Amino acid sequence: MADFGQLLEELPNIADSLKLSIGDANKIRYEATRLNKIEVKLQNIHEAIDKELGFEKFKNTAMRALPFLGTAASFLIPGGFIVDAVIAGGAGLISDKFGDPEAEVTLEDLKLRVEDWIDWSNELQELAEDFLSNKQLIAHINTEQLKPSVIEQIKNIDNCLKNNLDFNNYNLLKKELDNIKNAQYQLTQLQERLNRIIDIIENGESITDFLFAITSFFGNCDFALDWLHEEYGLIISSYDSFISLGDIFNECDSLREKSANLILQANTLKGQVEQNLKYIEQENRKEKAKSLNSASNATSQIKNNSEVQTQFKERESSQITKQKTFVVILISIFSILGFGAWISREKILPVQPISAASNQEREIVANFKNAQEIAMEAALIVQNNPNSLDTWEQADTKWQQVLKLLENIPEGTSVSTDAKNKLATYRLNYETLNKKLVKEREANSNWVNAQKVALEAAIMVQNPPHPKEIWQQASYKWEQSIKLL
């Protein structure tokens, strides 16, 4: 067996590696073998500490852990060895695994700590065996590791929906519509994934149960079961950061709310893109019809000119006397002028109302498009929760503008049916936002009142001593302030 100093030098690295990394069946088998070797080393260190405790010179001798240095710190044993080692992880969730780095540590304390690590190594090996015997769990791990983590997935969807849209570019809009539909599908899948994670954490009974949820949460990100905290329960490490099972639950609950907002945003964007595509298609059809009419008119004009030339030649070759010809032509000219003038007046008179109707239609279509653009602005300004009360109120004002524009679109116009459909959707969006606005106003009011009451309580107890009644009143005000918060 190596000497005591050499064993203690290994201890911090051994403790730091005392975790079960999760992967496919081969990786878990490798981890079980690695943990067994760690346990053997810990047993050797435990025996060495027992031996050292038998020597008189180490009785009642203390060691102090030097400040946290990452994965290397030092124990200084007065009159004995200098051991380069670290008791790492100090702050937060992982401190329970290594102990307080500032506390005085005796050999007896260290012995107890090593015993805890041996027990944890045994438990991790048993967990590895349980995991390997659960075919459903191994299949689940293999599937989930092909997916991004839930945090990464919602970031990707959010970025997809933040693209600036060119509402006049038909090809780009078609491509963006496909992206939005894909984002909607991913959001549906993500919500199901988050619901499963939350349900498992709420109702799971064992670490094996919880691993289904943890694997879904991390996806293709590396993670390990690091420690079992007395207060926080199971602690998971990933890329030098630590998170508890409770933290995963809270994160998923928050992401579920954010995904609901993204679904609302995606629905709004999809409606706007579809409407603009429809509008562009209608305009293209009008332009095409206009071009066809122009070509048809030009063909008719050429045909008419040909007929006129033929008639003129026929009149030239006629053998009617000049006088009769002159009279006939004269009468024909006057007839044509009179009849043509009458037709012209009939055709010109309706032009003005047709032009007015066309202007009105264009204005209605513009209002409809404007309503969609404002709706998009309203959805975008509240997408990054939490938002201030002012932001919610701005969004509320924009939704009111949208509803007013759509409500004023009359029946019988080219966009009246689409406007009616959008109005139904936007009213639901407005109601959802309005509920959040009411809550935000209530929370803001409670915050202001809580500060006010707290200030009153603080002022009451200035310049003591005070009679008992004053302290009681101040205590009551503090309770009011806390309840408001």
Protein backbone atom coordinates (compact mmCIF):
# COMPACT_ATOMS: atom_id res chain seq x y z
CA MET A 1 0.00 0.00 0.00
CA ALA A 2 1.26 3.50 -0.78
CA ASP A 3 2.22 5.71 2.17
CA PHE A 4 -0.38 7.88 3.84
CA GLY A 5 0.72 11.10 2.18
CA GLN A 6 0.51 9.67 -1.33
CA LEU A 7 -2.97 8.30 -0.65
CA LEU A 8 -4.21 11.64 0.62
CA GLU A 9 -2.79 13.35 -2.44
CA GLU A 10 -5.13 11.24 -4.56
CA LEU A 11 -8.17 11.84 -2.38
CA PRO A 12 -9.51 15.12 -3.87
CA ASN A 13 -9.35 13.84 -7.45
CA ILE A 14 -10.98 10.58 -6.38
CA ALA A 15 -13.81 12.45 -4.63
CA ASP A 16 -14.27 14.75 -7.62
CA SER A 17 -14.62 11.75 -9.98
CA LEU A 18 -17.14 10.05 -7.67
CA LYS A 19 -20.12 10.44 -10.02
CA LEU A 20 -22.07 8.31 -12.49
CA SER A 21 -21.98 9.69 -16.02
CA ILE A 22 -25.05 8.70 -18.04
CA GLY A 23 -24.94 7.40 -21.59
CA ASP A 24 -25.70 4.25 -23.54
CA ALA A 25 -25.37 0.76 -22.01
CA ASN A 26 -21.65 0.53 -22.82
CA LYS A 27 -20.89 3.80 -21.09
CA ILE A 28 -22.87 2.85 -17.98
CA ARG A 29 -20.99 -0.50 -17.79
CA TYR A 30 -17.70 1.38 -18.08
CA GLU A 31 -18.82 3.74 -15.31
CA ALA A 32 -19.72 0.82 -13.03
CA THR A 33 -16.21 -0.65 -13.48
CA ARG A 34 -14.58 2.75 -12.90
CA LEU A 35 -16.60 3.32 -9.71
CA ASN A 36 -15.59 -0.10 -8.39
CA LYS A 37 -11.92 0.87 -8.76
CA ILE A 38 -12.62 4.18 -6.98
CA GLU A 39 -14.23 2.29 -4.13
CA VAL A 40 -11.10 0.14 -3.73
CA LYS A 41 -8.96 3.30 -3.50
CA LEU A 42 -11.30 4.83 -0.93
CA GLN A 43 -11.13 1.63 1.13
CA ASN A 44 -7.32 1.87 1.10
CA ILE A 45 -7.45 5.51 2.21
CA HIS A 46 -9.91 4.60 4.96
CA GLU A 47 -7.56 1.89 6.25
CA ALA A 48 -4.63 4.30 6.14
CA ILE A 49 -6.55 6.90 8.17
CA ASP A 50 -7.44 4.21 10.72
CA LYS A 51 -3.77 3.33 10.99
CA GLU A 52 -2.69 6.95 11.39
CA LEU A 53 -5.29 7.51 14.10
CA GLY A 54 -3.46 4.82 16.11
CA PHE A 55 -0.36 6.95 16.35
CA GLU A 56 -0.15 9.24 19.34
CA LYS A 57 1.30 12.16 17.37
CA PHE A 58 -1.90 12.46 15.27
CA LYS A 59 -4.36 12.34 18.17
CA ASN A 60 -6.35 15.56 18.45
CA THR A 61 -4.35 17.09 15.55
CA ALA A 62 -6.39 19.29 13.23
CA MET A 63 -6.16 19.90 9.52
CA ARG A 64 -7.44 23.04 7.84
CA ALA A 65 -8.74 23.05 4.28
CA LEU A 66 -7.16 25.90 2.38
CA PRO A 67 -9.43 28.22 0.29
CA PHE A 68 -11.22 26.70 -2.70
CA LEU A 69 -8.87 26.41 -5.67
CA GLY A 70 -10.86 24.35 -8.16
CA THR A 71 -9.60 20.77 -8.09
CA ALA A 72 -6.51 21.28 -5.94
CA ALA A 73 -6.22 22.65 -2.41
CA SER A 74 -4.12 21.71 0.61
CA PHE A 75 -4.43 20.16 4.00
CA LEU A 76 -1.69 21.30 6.36
CA ILE A 77 -1.09 18.84 9.21
CA PRO A 78 1.09 20.57 11.87
CA GLY A 79 4.24 18.59 12.49
CA GLY A 80 3.27 16.13 9.78
CA PHE A 81 2.72 15.98 6.03
CA ILE A 82 1.91 18.67 3.47
CA VAL A 83 -0.68 17.08 1.21
CA ASP A 84 -1.59 18.74 -2.08
CA ALA A 85 -5.33 18.14 -2.23
CA VAL A 86 -8.60 19.85 -2.62
CA ILE A 87 -11.92 19.53 -1.01
CA ALA A 88 -13.74 21.17 -3.94
CA GLY A 89 -17.18 22.46 -4.84
CA GLY A 90 -17.52 24.69 -1.76
CA ALA A 91 -20.54 26.79 -2.56
CA GLY A 92 -24.10 25.82 -3.20
CA LEU A 93 -25.43 22.41 -4.07
CA ILE A 94 -22.16 20.47 -4.17
CA SER A 95 -20.67 21.72 -0.88
CA ASP A 96 -22.42 18.92 1.01
CA LYS A 97 -20.31 16.36 -0.87
CA PHE A 98 -16.98 17.82 0.26
CA GLY A 99 -17.81 19.69 3.45
CA ASP A 100 -17.09 23.27 4.45
CA PRO A 101 -13.68 24.20 2.96
CA GLU A 102 -13.10 26.75 5.74
CA ALA A 103 -13.85 24.42 8.67
CA GLU A 104 -11.28 22.72 10.90
CA VAL A 105 -11.05 19.05 9.89
CA THR A 106 -9.62 16.27 12.10
CA LEU A 107 -8.53 12.87 10.86
CA GLU A 108 -11.64 11.45 12.47
CA ASP A 109 -13.77 13.93 10.44
CA LEU A 110 -11.92 12.91 7.29
CA LYS A 111 -12.49 9.24 8.05
CA LEU A 112 -16.26 9.83 8.31
CA ARG A 113 -16.23 11.77 5.06
CA VAL A 114 -14.44 8.92 3.26
CA GLU A 115 -17.01 6.48 4.65
CA ASP A 116 -19.76 8.64 3.12
CA TRP A 117 -17.97 8.52 -0.24
CA ILE A 118 -17.61 4.74 -0.03
CA ASP A 119 -21.36 4.43 0.64
CA TRP A 120 -22.12 6.74 -2.32
CA SER A 121 -19.79 4.73 -4.57
CA ASN A 122 -21.68 1.56 -3.60
CA GLU A 123 -25.02 3.23 -4.29
CA LEU A 124 -23.89 4.50 -7.69
CA GLN A 125 -22.75 1.00 -8.69
CA GLU A 126 -26.11 -0.44 -7.65
CA LEU A 127 -27.87 2.30 -9.64
CA ALA A 128 -25.76 1.45 -12.68
CA GLU A 129 -26.87 -2.19 -12.42
CA ASP A 130 -30.53 -1.11 -12.06
CA PHE A 131 -30.24 1.14 -15.11
CA LEU A 132 -28.67 -1.61 -17.22
CA SER A 133 -31.42 -4.07 -16.29
CA ASN A 134 -34.13 -1.61 -17.36
CA LYS A 135 -34.40 -2.03 -21.15
CA GLN A 136 -37.05 0.68 -21.41
CA LEU A 137 -34.74 3.19 -19.69
CA ILE A 138 -31.75 2.32 -21.93
CA ALA A 139 -33.93 2.71 -25.04
CA HIS A 140 -35.20 6.06 -23.69
CA ILE A 141 -31.64 7.29 -23.05
CA ASN A 142 -30.57 6.33 -26.58
CA THR A 143 -33.55 8.20 -28.07
CA GLU A 144 -33.22 11.35 -25.95
CA GLN A 145 -29.50 11.69 -26.63
CA LEU A 146 -30.34 12.32 -30.29
CA LYS A 147 -32.26 15.47 -29.29
CA PRO A 148 -31.04 18.87 -28.08
CA SER A 149 -31.67 19.77 -24.45
CA VAL A 150 -35.01 21.43 -23.72
CA ILE A 151 -33.21 24.73 -23.04
CA GLU A 152 -31.36 24.57 -26.38
CA GLN A 153 -34.51 23.53 -28.24
CA ILE A 154 -36.57 26.48 -27.02
CA LYS A 155 -33.70 28.87 -27.84
CA ASN A 156 -33.59 27.55 -31.41
CA ILE A 157 -37.36 27.96 -31.82
CA ASP A 158 -37.26 31.45 -30.34
CA ASN A 159 -34.51 32.49 -32.78
CA CYS A 160 -36.49 31.02 -35.69
CA LEU A 161 -39.53 33.16 -34.82
CA LYS A 162 -37.42 36.32 -34.44
CA ASN A 163 -36.51 36.49 -38.16
CA ASN A 164 -37.37 39.80 -39.81
CA LEU A 165 -40.02 39.18 -42.43
CA ASP A 166 -40.12 40.84 -45.84
CA PHE A 167 -43.87 40.93 -46.44
CA ASN A 168 -43.38 41.89 -50.10
CA ASN A 169 -41.11 38.97 -51.06
CA TYR A 170 -43.31 36.03 -52.06
CA ASN A 171 -40.57 33.37 -52.21
CA LEU A 172 -39.08 34.33 -48.85
CA LEU A 173 -42.55 34.36 -47.27
CA LYS A 174 -43.23 30.84 -48.57
CA LYS A 175 -39.96 29.65 -47.07
CA GLU A 176 -40.68 31.45 -43.79
CA LEU A 177 -44.15 29.89 -43.64
CA ASP A 178 -42.54 26.43 -43.75
CA ASN A 179 -40.17 27.49 -40.94
CA ILE A 180 -43.08 28.72 -38.81
CA LYS A 181 -45.02 25.50 -39.35
CA ASN A 182 -41.94 23.53 -38.33
CA ALA A 183 -41.56 25.73 -35.23
CA GLN A 184 -45.22 25.10 -34.34
CA TYR A 185 -44.67 21.34 -34.62
CA GLN A 186 -41.50 21.55 -32.49
CA LEU A 187 -43.32 23.62 -29.86
CA THR A 188 -46.05 21.00 -29.65
CA GLN A 189 -43.41 18.28 -29.20
CA LEU A 190 -41.53 20.41 -26.67
CA GLN A 191 -44.64 20.99 -24.55
CA GLU A 192 -45.31 17.25 -24.46
CA ARG A 193 -41.67 16.71 -23.46
CA LEU A 194 -41.86 19.31 -20.67
CA ASN A 195 -45.16 17.90 -19.40
CA ARG A 196 -43.62 14.41 -19.18
CA ILE A 197 -40.58 15.70 -17.27
CA ILE A 198 -42.74 17.59 -14.77
CA ASP A 199 -45.10 14.63 -14.33
CA ILE A 200 -42.22 12.20 -13.66
CA ILE A 201 -40.56 14.51 -11.11
CA GLU A 202 -43.89 15.02 -9.34
CA ASN A 203 -44.85 11.33 -9.25
CA GLY A 204 -41.55 9.41 -9.49
CA GLU A 205 -40.52 7.22 -6.58
CA SER A 206 -36.93 6.26 -7.34
CA ILE A 207 -33.77 7.61 -8.97
CA THR A 208 -34.42 5.20 -11.85
CA ASP A 209 -37.81 6.89 -12.38
CA PHE A 210 -36.25 10.34 -12.17
CA LEU A 211 -33.56 9.42 -14.72
CA PHE A 212 -36.28 9.28 -17.42
CA ALA A 213 -36.99 12.97 -16.71
CA ILE A 214 -33.35 14.01 -16.30
CA THR A 215 -32.35 12.40 -19.61
CA SER A 216 -35.20 14.18 -21.41
CA PHE A 217 -34.15 17.50 -19.86
CA PHE A 218 -30.46 17.27 -20.88
CA GLY A 219 -30.94 15.57 -24.27
CA ASN A 220 -27.55 15.28 -26.00
CA CYS A 221 -25.73 17.26 -23.28
CA ASP A 222 -23.32 15.28 -21.08
CA PHE A 223 -24.40 14.95 -17.44
CA ALA A 224 -23.72 12.83 -14.37
CA LEU A 225 -25.41 11.89 -11.10
CA ASP A 226 -23.01 13.67 -8.74
CA TRP A 227 -24.33 13.56 -5.19
CA LEU A 228 -27.34 12.99 -2.94
CA HIS A 229 -27.77 16.18 -0.91
CA GLU A 230 -29.42 16.00 2.51
CA GLU A 231 -31.59 19.06 1.78
CA TYR A 232 -31.82 19.35 -2.02
CA GLY A 233 -31.90 15.66 -2.93
CA LEU A 234 -30.29 14.38 -6.12
CA ILE A 235 -27.63 16.72 -7.57
CA ILE A 236 -26.73 16.50 -11.27
CA SER A 237 -23.56 17.96 -12.80
CA SER A 238 -23.14 19.05 -16.41
CA TYR A 239 -20.17 20.96 -17.85
CA ASP A 240 -18.91 22.08 -14.40
CA SER A 241 -22.31 23.34 -13.26
CA PHE A 242 -24.69 21.76 -10.78
CA ILE A 243 -28.47 21.55 -10.64
CA SER A 244 -30.92 19.80 -8.32
CA LEU A 245 -33.97 17.80 -9.33
CA GLY A 246 -36.14 20.59 -7.90
CA ASP A 247 -34.33 23.13 -10.07
CA ILE A 248 -35.05 21.02 -13.15
CA PHE A 249 -38.75 20.98 -12.21
CA ASN A 250 -38.84 24.78 -11.82
CA GLU A 251 -36.91 25.32 -15.07
CA CYS A 252 -39.32 23.10 -17.00
CA ASP A 253 -42.32 24.87 -15.49
CA SER A 254 -40.88 28.21 -16.61
CA LEU A 255 -40.05 26.85 -20.08
CA ARG A 256 -43.59 25.52 -20.40
CA GLU A 257 -44.97 29.04 -19.91
CA LYS A 258 -42.46 30.46 -22.40
CA SER A 259 -43.37 27.79 -24.98
CA ALA A 260 -47.05 28.72 -24.58
CA ASN A 261 -46.16 32.34 -25.40
CA LEU A 262 -44.11 31.18 -28.40
CA ILE A 263 -47.08 29.15 -29.66
CA LEU A 264 -49.21 32.30 -29.50
CA GLN A 265 -46.49 34.23 -31.34
CA ALA A 266 -46.11 31.50 -33.98
CA ASN A 267 -49.87 31.42 -34.60
CA THR A 268 -49.93 35.17 -35.09
CA LEU A 269 -46.93 35.11 -37.45
CA LYS A 270 -48.37 32.24 -39.45
CA GLY A 271 -51.66 34.09 -39.95
CA GLN A 272 -49.88 37.24 -41.07
CA VAL A 273 -47.61 35.39 -43.52
CA GLU A 274 -50.52 33.43 -45.00
CA GLN A 275 -52.58 36.59 -45.44
CA ASN A 276 -49.71 38.42 -47.13
CA LEU A 277 -49.10 35.48 -49.45
CA LYS A 278 -52.78 35.50 -50.35
CA TYR A 279 -52.70 39.25 -50.96
CA ILE A 280 -49.61 38.95 -53.20
CA GLU A 281 -51.27 36.13 -55.17
CA GLN A 282 -54.42 38.24 -55.65
CA GLU A 283 -52.36 41.20 -56.85
CA ASN A 284 -50.41 38.95 -59.24
CA ARG A 285 -53.68 37.60 -60.68
CA LYS A 286 -54.97 41.14 -61.17
CA GLU A 287 -51.78 42.16 -62.97
CA LYS A 288 -51.96 39.08 -65.17
CA ALA A 289 -55.62 39.77 -66.03
CA LYS A 290 -54.78 43.39 -66.76
CA SER A 291 -51.99 42.32 -69.14
CA LEU A 292 -54.32 39.89 -70.91
CA ASN A 293 -56.98 42.60 -71.31
CA SER A 294 -54.42 45.01 -72.73
CA ALA A 295 -53.30 42.42 -75.28
CA SER A 296 -56.91 41.64 -76.19
CA ASN A 297 -57.72 45.34 -76.64
CA ALA A 298 -54.70 45.80 -78.88
CA THR A 299 -55.80 42.85 -81.06
CA SER A 300 -59.33 44.26 -81.32
CA GLN A 301 -57.98 47.67 -82.30
CA ILE A 302 -55.88 46.16 -85.10
CA LYS A 303 -58.93 44.24 -86.37
CA ASN A 304 -61.10 47.39 -86.29
CA ASN A 305 -58.47 49.37 -88.21
CA SER A 306 -58.40 46.65 -90.87
CA GLU A 307 -62.19 46.74 -91.22
CA VAL A 308 -62.15 50.54 -91.55
CA GLN A 309 -59.55 50.36 -94.32
CA THR A 310 -61.62 47.76 -96.16
CA GLN A 311 -64.75 49.89 -95.88
CA PHE A 312 -62.89 52.92 -97.13
CA LYS A 313 -61.66 51.06 -100.18
CA GLU A 314 -65.16 49.82 -100.88
CA ARG A 315 -66.52 53.36 -100.70
CA GLU A 316 -63.80 54.55 -103.11
CA SER A 317 -64.71 51.95 -105.67
CA SER A 318 -68.45 52.55 -105.47
CA GLN A 319 -70.08 53.92 -108.58
CA ILE A 320 -72.57 56.17 -106.76
CA THR A 321 -72.62 59.74 -107.90
CA LYS A 322 -70.49 62.24 -106.06
CA GLN A 323 -73.45 64.20 -104.83
CA LYS A 324 -75.25 61.17 -103.43
CA THR A 325 -72.02 59.88 -102.04
CA PHE A 326 -71.32 63.20 -100.37
CA VAL A 327 -74.83 63.31 -98.89
CA VAL A 328 -74.61 59.70 -97.67
CA ILE A 329 -71.17 60.27 -96.15
CA LEU A 330 -72.32 63.54 -94.56
CA ILE A 331 -75.37 61.88 -93.04
CA SER A 332 -73.23 58.95 -91.86
CA ILE A 333 -70.73 61.27 -90.21
CA PHE A 334 -73.39 63.14 -88.30
CA SER A 335 -75.06 59.87 -87.30
CA ILE A 336 -71.82 58.39 -86.07
CA LEU A 337 -70.86 61.54 -84.16
CA GLY A 338 -74.25 61.80 -82.50
CA PHE A 339 -74.48 58.14 -81.57
CA GLY A 340 -70.82 58.00 -80.47
CA ALA A 341 -71.19 61.06 -78.29
CA TRP A 342 -74.22 59.48 -76.64
CA ILE A 343 -72.31 56.27 -75.97
CA SER A 344 -69.31 58.19 -74.65
CA ARG A 345 -71.45 60.07 -72.16
CA GLU A 346 -73.02 56.80 -70.99
CA LYS A 347 -69.60 55.25 -70.49
CA ILE A 348 -67.93 58.22 -68.85
CA LEU A 349 -70.62 58.86 -66.23
CA PRO A 350 -70.05 55.68 -64.17
CA VAL A 351 -66.24 56.12 -64.05
CA GLN A 352 -66.26 58.34 -61.01
CA PRO A 353 -68.16 55.99 -58.66
CA ILE A 354 -66.10 52.97 -59.86
CA SER A 355 -62.90 54.87 -59.09
CA ALA A 356 -64.22 55.82 -55.64
CA ALA A 357 -65.13 52.19 -54.90
CA SER A 358 -61.64 51.08 -55.97
CA ASN A 359 -60.04 53.62 -53.62
CA GLN A 360 -62.23 52.40 -50.77
CA GLU A 361 -61.26 48.78 -51.43
CA ARG A 362 -57.58 49.68 -51.41
CA GLU A 363 -58.01 51.51 -48.11
CA ILE A 364 -59.78 48.47 -46.57
CA VAL A 365 -57.02 46.11 -47.72
CA ALA A 366 -54.40 48.52 -46.34
CA ASN A 367 -56.21 48.60 -42.97
CA PHE A 368 -56.31 44.82 -42.90
CA LYS A 369 -52.58 44.59 -43.61
CA ASN A 370 -51.89 47.30 -41.03
CA ALA A 371 -53.87 45.34 -38.42
CA GLN A 372 -51.68 42.27 -39.02
CA GLU A 373 -48.48 44.29 -38.73
CA ILE A 374 -49.60 45.85 -35.43
CA ALA A 375 -50.63 42.39 -34.16
CA MET A 376 -47.14 41.13 -34.93
CA GLU A 377 -45.60 44.08 -33.05
CA ALA A 378 -47.88 43.38 -30.06
CA ALA A 379 -46.80 39.73 -29.97
CA LEU A 380 -43.08 40.50 -30.34
CA ILE A 381 -42.77 43.10 -27.56
CA VAL A 382 -43.96 40.65 -24.88
CA GLN A 383 -42.13 37.53 -26.07
CA ASN A 384 -39.20 37.87 -23.63
CA ASN A 385 -40.65 37.37 -20.15
CA PRO A 386 -40.54 38.86 -17.59
CA ASN A 387 -41.84 42.17 -18.93
CA SER A 388 -42.50 45.47 -17.20
CA LEU A 389 -46.00 46.80 -16.64
CA ASP A 390 -45.36 49.48 -19.29
CA THR A 391 -44.54 46.79 -21.86
CA TRP A 392 -47.74 44.86 -21.15
CA GLU A 393 -49.77 48.07 -21.40
CA GLN A 394 -48.15 48.95 -24.76
CA ALA A 395 -49.06 45.51 -26.06
CA ASP A 396 -52.61 45.91 -24.74
CA THR A 397 -52.98 49.23 -26.59
CA LYS A 398 -51.71 47.68 -29.83
CA TRP A 399 -54.17 44.78 -29.61
CA GLN A 400 -57.01 47.28 -29.10
CA GLN A 401 -55.89 49.07 -32.29
CA VAL A 402 -55.84 45.75 -34.15
CA LEU A 403 -59.35 44.80 -33.05
CA LYS A 404 -60.72 48.24 -33.95
CA LEU A 405 -59.24 48.10 -37.46
CA LEU A 406 -60.67 44.62 -38.11
CA GLU A 407 -64.10 45.44 -36.63
CA ASN A 408 -64.42 48.36 -39.07
CA ILE A 409 -63.87 46.23 -42.20
CA PRO A 410 -67.30 46.01 -43.92
CA GLU A 411 -68.93 42.89 -45.30
CA GLY A 412 -68.66 42.13 -49.00
CA THR A 413 -65.07 43.29 -49.45
CA SER A 414 -62.21 41.09 -50.71
CA VAL A 415 -60.75 40.72 -47.19
CA SER A 416 -63.94 40.62 -45.09
CA THR A 417 -63.90 36.82 -44.61
CA ASP A 418 -60.21 36.78 -43.67
CA ALA A 419 -60.75 39.77 -41.39
CA LYS A 420 -63.56 37.96 -39.59
CA ASN A 421 -61.37 34.89 -39.04
CA LYS A 422 -58.46 36.99 -37.81
CA LEU A 423 -60.77 38.94 -35.52
CA ALA A 424 -61.79 35.74 -33.73
CA THR A 425 -58.14 34.68 -33.27
CA TYR A 426 -56.94 38.11 -32.21
CA ARG A 427 -59.73 38.48 -29.67
CA LEU A 428 -58.48 35.30 -27.97
CA ASN A 429 -54.92 36.69 -28.04
CA TYR A 430 -56.12 39.95 -26.54
CA GLU A 431 -58.06 38.19 -23.78
CA THR A 432 -54.97 36.13 -22.87
CA LEU A 433 -52.76 39.21 -22.77
CA ASN A 434 -55.36 41.20 -20.84
CA LYS A 435 -55.43 38.56 -18.10
CA LYS A 436 -51.65 38.82 -17.78
CA LEU A 437 -51.90 42.60 -17.70
CA VAL A 438 -54.42 42.45 -14.83
CA LYS A 439 -52.06 40.17 -12.89
CA GLU A 440 -49.11 42.46 -13.62
CA ARG A 441 -51.03 45.51 -12.43
CA GLU A 442 -52.06 43.67 -9.27
CA ALA A 443 -48.46 42.53 -8.64
CA ASN A 444 -47.15 46.06 -9.26
CA SER A 445 -49.73 47.51 -6.87
CA ASN A 446 -48.83 44.94 -4.21
CA TRP A 447 -45.14 45.75 -4.64
CA VAL A 448 -45.71 49.49 -4.21
CA ASN A 449 -47.97 48.96 -1.19
CA ALA A 450 -45.54 46.48 0.38
CA GLN A 451 -42.74 49.02 0.13
CA LYS A 452 -44.95 51.72 1.59
CA VAL A 453 -46.04 49.58 4.55
CA ALA A 454 -42.47 48.40 5.16
CA LEU A 455 -41.26 52.00 5.20
CA GLU A 456 -43.97 52.90 7.72
CA ALA A 457 -42.88 49.99 9.94
CA ALA A 458 -39.24 51.05 9.74
CA ILE A 459 -40.05 54.68 10.62
CA MET A 460 -42.19 53.61 13.62
CA VAL A 461 -39.28 51.89 15.37
CA GLN A 462 -36.67 54.56 14.78
CA ASN A 463 -35.02 56.08 17.81
CA PRO A 464 -35.87 53.34 20.37
CA PRO A 465 -36.80 52.56 23.09
CA HIS A 466 -40.53 52.32 22.30
CA PRO A 467 -43.50 50.93 24.23
CA LYS A 468 -44.69 47.40 23.50
CA GLU A 469 -47.68 48.66 21.47
CA ILE A 470 -45.39 50.41 18.95
CA TRP A 471 -43.37 47.24 18.40
CA GLN A 472 -46.58 45.26 17.93
CA GLN A 473 -47.89 47.76 15.36
CA ALA A 474 -44.57 47.67 13.52
CA SER A 475 -44.63 43.85 13.56
CA TYR A 476 -48.16 43.87 12.15
CA LYS A 477 -47.07 46.19 9.34
CA TRP A 478 -44.14 43.93 8.48
CA GLU A 479 -46.55 40.99 8.30
CA GLN A 480 -48.78 43.03 5.94
CA SER A 481 -45.78 43.87 3.77
CA ILE A 482 -44.66 40.23 3.58
CA LYS A 483 -48.20 39.05 2.77
CA LEU A 484 -48.43 41.55 -0.09
CA LEU A 485 -45.19 40.19 -1.52
